[in-house]
Each structure stands twice: as C-alpha cells, then as structure tokens.
C-alpha atoms as a PDB file:
ATOM      1  CA  UNK A   1     -13.083 -10.966   6.452  1.00  0.00           C
ATOM      2  CA  UNK A   2     -11.087 -12.495   3.601  1.00  0.00           C
ATOM      3  CA  UNK A   3      -9.502  -9.170   2.735  1.00  0.00           C
ATOM      4  CA  UNK A   4      -8.176  -8.718   6.280  1.00  0.00           C
ATOM      5  CA  UNK A   5      -6.673 -12.206   6.286  1.00  0.00           C
ATOM      6  CA  UNK A   6      -5.116 -11.653   2.855  1.00  0.00           C
ATOM      7  CA  UNK A   7      -3.546  -8.380   4.014  1.00  0.00           C
ATOM      8  CA  UNK A   8      -2.205  -9.980   7.195  1.00  0.00           C
ATOM      9  CA  UNK A   9      -0.732 -12.878   5.212  1.00  0.00           C
ATOM     10  CA  UNK A  10       0.867 -10.540   2.685  1.00  0.00           C
ATOM     11  CA  UNK A  11       2.379  -8.350   5.420  1.00  0.00           C
ATOM     12  CA  UNK A  12       3.840 -11.468   7.062  1.00  0.00           C
ATOM     13  CA  UNK A  13       5.225 -12.578   3.687  1.00  0.00           C
ATOM     14  CA  UNK A  14       6.872  -9.174   3.157  1.00  0.00           C
ATOM     15  CA  UNK A  15       8.473  -9.250   6.596  1.00  0.00           C
ATOM     16  CA  UNK A  16       9.946 -12.674   5.817  1.00  0.00           C
ATOM     17  CA  UNK A  17      11.215 -11.888   2.304  1.00  0.00           C
ATOM     18  CA  UNK A  18      12.455  -8.283   2.394  1.00  0.00           C
ATOM     19  CA  UNK A  19      15.289  -8.723   4.917  1.00  0.00           C
ATOM     20  CA  UNK A  20      13.960  -5.893   7.061  1.00  0.00           C
ATOM     21  CA  UNK A  21      14.199  -3.289   4.285  1.00  0.00           C
ATOM     22  CA  UNK A  22      11.353  -0.910   5.069  1.00  0.00           C
ATOM     23  CA  UNK A  23      11.641   0.758   1.645  1.00  0.00           C
ATOM     24  CA  UNK A  24      11.409  -2.561  -0.172  1.00  0.00           C
ATOM     25  CA  UNK A  25       8.421  -3.613   1.943  1.00  0.00           C
ATOM     26  CA  UNK A  26       6.682  -0.305   1.175  1.00  0.00           C
ATOM     27  CA  UNK A  27       7.363  -0.685  -2.548  1.00  0.00           C
ATOM     28  CA  UNK A  28       6.107  -4.273  -2.656  1.00  0.00           C
ATOM     29  CA  UNK A  29       2.984  -3.494  -0.631  1.00  0.00           C
ATOM     30  CA  UNK A  30       2.117  -0.531  -2.828  1.00  0.00           C
ATOM     31  CA  UNK A  31       2.706  -2.631  -5.955  1.00  0.00           C
ATOM     32  CA  UNK A  32       0.215  -5.117  -4.463  1.00  0.00           C
ATOM     33  CA  UNK A  33      -2.337  -2.296  -4.140  1.00  0.00           C
ATOM     34  CA  UNK A  34      -1.599  -1.037  -7.652  1.00  0.00           C
ATOM     35  CA  UNK A  35      -2.226  -4.501  -9.073  1.00  0.00           C
ATOM     36  CA  UNK A  36      -5.894  -4.242  -8.031  1.00  0.00           C
ATOM     37  CA  UNK A  37      -6.489  -0.631  -9.038  1.00  0.00           C
ATOM     38  CA  UNK A  38      -9.002  -0.013 -11.795  1.00  0.00           C
ATOM     39  CA  UNK A  39      -6.561   1.631 -14.220  1.00  0.00           C
ATOM     40  CA  UNK A  40      -4.928   0.452 -17.439  1.00  0.00           C
ATOM     41  CA  UNK A  41      -1.836  -1.727 -17.482  1.00  0.00           C
ATOM     42  CA  UNK A  42       0.248   1.172 -18.838  1.00  0.00           C
ATOM     43  CA  UNK A  43      -0.998   3.408 -16.018  1.00  0.00           C
ATOM     44  CA  UNK A  44      -0.103   0.726 -13.472  1.00  0.00           C
ATOM     45  CA  UNK A  45       3.421   0.485 -14.888  1.00  0.00           C
ATOM     46  CA  UNK A  46       3.813   4.269 -14.866  1.00  0.00           C
ATOM     47  CA  UNK A  47       2.453   4.562 -11.321  1.00  0.00           C
ATOM     48  CA  UNK A  48       4.749   1.823 -10.037  1.00  0.00           C
ATOM     49  CA  UNK A  49       7.742   3.557 -11.620  1.00  0.00           C
ATOM     50  CA  UNK A  50       6.748   6.875 -10.001  1.00  0.00           C
ATOM     51  CA  UNK A  51       6.293   5.205  -6.618  1.00  0.00           C
ATOM     52  CA  UNK A  52       9.701   3.528  -6.882  1.00  0.00           C
ATOM     53  CA  UNK A  53      11.342   6.875  -7.696  1.00  0.00           C
ATOM     54  CA  UNK A  54       9.521   8.490  -4.765  1.00  0.00           C
ATOM     55  CA  UNK A  55      10.487   5.829  -2.227  1.00  0.00           C
ATOM     56  CA  UNK A  56      14.157   5.751  -3.183  1.00  0.00           C
ATOM     57  CA  UNK A  57      14.636   9.495  -3.687  1.00  0.00           C
ATOM     58  CA  UNK A  58      16.362  11.553  -1.000  1.00  0.00           C
ATOM     59  CA  UNK A  59      15.675  14.878  -2.699  1.00  0.00           C
ATOM     60  CA  UNK A  60      12.666  16.624  -1.182  1.00  0.00           C
ATOM     61  CA  UNK A  61      11.703  18.852  -4.124  1.00  0.00           C
ATOM     62  CA  UNK A  62      11.845  15.823  -6.439  1.00  0.00           C
ATOM     63  CA  UNK A  63       9.570  13.911  -4.064  1.00  0.00           C
ATOM     64  CA  UNK A  64       7.120  16.828  -4.047  1.00  0.00           C
ATOM     65  CA  UNK A  65       6.924  16.800  -7.857  1.00  0.00           C
ATOM     66  CA  UNK A  66       6.466  13.032  -7.904  1.00  0.00           C
ATOM     67  CA  UNK A  67       3.752  13.121  -5.242  1.00  0.00           C
ATOM     68  CA  UNK A  68       1.655  15.517  -7.335  1.00  0.00           C
ATOM     69  CA  UNK A  69       1.748  13.089 -10.256  1.00  0.00           C
ATOM     70  CA  UNK A  70       1.140  10.056  -8.025  1.00  0.00           C
ATOM     71  CA  UNK A  71      -1.873  11.745  -6.410  1.00  0.00           C
ATOM     72  CA  UNK A  72      -3.622  11.937  -9.787  1.00  0.00           C
ATOM     73  CA  UNK A  73      -3.518   8.132  -9.957  1.00  0.00           C
ATOM     74  CA  UNK A  74      -4.414   7.618  -6.291  1.00  0.00           C
ATOM     75  CA  UNK A  75      -7.480   9.814  -6.665  1.00  0.00           C
ATOM     76  CA  UNK A  76      -8.761   7.508  -9.412  1.00  0.00           C
ATOM     77  CA  UNK A  77      -9.013   4.695  -6.864  1.00  0.00           C
ATOM     78  CA  UNK A  78     -12.586   4.131  -5.686  1.00  0.00           C
ATOM     79  CA  UNK A  79     -11.798   1.916  -2.694  1.00  0.00           C
ATOM     80  CA  UNK A  80     -11.242   4.368   0.167  1.00  0.00           C
ATOM     81  CA  UNK A  81      -9.421   1.846   2.355  1.00  0.00           C
ATOM     82  CA  UNK A  82      -6.901   1.073  -0.399  1.00  0.00           C
ATOM     83  CA  UNK A  83      -6.455   4.771  -1.091  1.00  0.00           C
ATOM     84  CA  UNK A  84      -5.788   5.507   2.593  1.00  0.00           C
ATOM     85  CA  UNK A  85      -3.376   2.567   2.937  1.00  0.00           C
ATOM     86  CA  UNK A  86      -1.538   3.683  -0.204  1.00  0.00           C
ATOM     87  CA  UNK A  87      -1.113   7.223   1.142  1.00  0.00           C
ATOM     88  CA  UNK A  88      -0.201   6.084   4.662  1.00  0.00           C
ATOM     89  CA  UNK A  89       2.546   3.785   3.441  1.00  0.00           C
ATOM     90  CA  UNK A  90       3.913   6.110   0.773  1.00  0.00           C
ATOM     91  CA  UNK A  91       3.643   9.559   2.327  1.00  0.00           C
ATOM     92  CA  UNK A  92       3.375   9.008   6.067  1.00  0.00           C
ATOM     93  CA  UNK A  93       5.911   6.185   6.019  1.00  0.00           C
ATOM     94  CA  UNK A  94       3.806   4.126   8.380  1.00  0.00           C
ATOM     95  CA  UNK A  95       5.314   0.767   9.083  1.00  0.00           C
ATOM     96  CA  UNK A  96       3.894  -2.113   7.091  1.00  0.00           C
ATOM     97  CA  UNK A  97       2.946  -3.867  10.335  1.00  0.00           C
ATOM     98  CA  UNK A  98       0.467  -1.057  11.047  1.00  0.00           C
ATOM     99  CA  UNK A  99      -1.735  -2.391   8.236  1.00  0.00           C
ATOM    100  CA  UNK A 100      -2.313  -5.732   9.895  1.00  0.00           C
ATOM    101  CA  UNK A 101      -5.719  -6.411  11.369  1.00  0.00           C
ATOM    102  CA  UNK A 102      -5.713  -7.415  15.015  1.00  0.00           C
ATOM    103  CA  UNK A 103      -6.656 -10.901  16.135  1.00  0.00           C
ATOM    104  CA  UNK A 104      -9.556  -9.297  18.030  1.00  0.00           C
ATOM    105  CA  UNK A 105     -10.882  -7.723  14.810  1.00  0.00           C
ATOM    106  CA  UNK A 106     -10.634 -11.028  12.954  1.00  0.00           C
ATOM    107  CA  UNK A 107     -12.348 -12.872  15.802  1.00  0.00           C
ATOM    108  CA  UNK A 108     -15.145 -10.307  16.117  1.00  0.00           C
ATOM    109  CA  UNK A 109     -15.625 -10.225  12.356  1.00  0.00           C
ATOM    110  CA  UNK A 110     -16.068 -14.000  12.281  1.00  0.00           C
ATOM    111  CA  UNK A 111     -18.809 -13.633  14.928  1.00  0.00           C
ATOM    112  CA  UNK A 112     -20.370 -10.411  13.557  1.00  0.00           C
ATOM    113  CA  UNK A 113     -19.656 -10.352   9.795  1.00  0.00           C
ATOM    114  CA  UNK A 114     -21.795  -7.255   9.251  1.00  0.00           C
ATOM    115  CA  UNK A 115     -19.251  -5.018  11.079  1.00  0.00           C
END
C-alpha cells in the first residue's frame, strides 16, 4: 500500500529531523495531514495555527476551548483513517511511531492487496 509506505517514510523522516521533540513531531505530522484535507487554504492555515496553540499550551481550559474549534475542522475530513490519526496524535498524545505500519502488514498487503 503506497499510503502505508509514505506514512512510514514520513515518520522516519520526522524522527531524524525533530531532535526527539515529541511536540514538534506531532505538529509536523498533523500539518502533513492538514495539507491533504479537503478544506480551503485559509482554513488550513487557521487549523494549523489552532493545532500549534493546542500542542504548545500548558493551560487545560485553553486547550479545551481550542479542541472544540479544532473538532469542527476535523469533522469535515472524510477520510476516517486520517481523522483518527489526527485525533490520536493531537488529543491522545500517541507517539508518532505508533502510526507506522508493521513490516508484516506491508508484506501481507503486497501479497493480498485487497486487504
């Protein structure tokens, strides 16, 4: 699956270029997802700004307000997998490495592409 390989490559790139900063990796990965969302350029800029504020904020009530605004944009996304990844990385603070597809998945997909 080309998408799986692209995600794995991008995650590896982030690990190499973000000096271990989990916040920076989360921001860059989410900006990658935003780039492919079916929203206007202005909406993408606004969403990225909101995400950046959310990631770097330490104030819980501010994060709650931001998440309500961010969710409006996330819910516009039609691709469920992207939507779930976006929420997992932003809200659940899952590690970027958790998005990588396993070698087994990639191998099985090359044998059974209809999976």
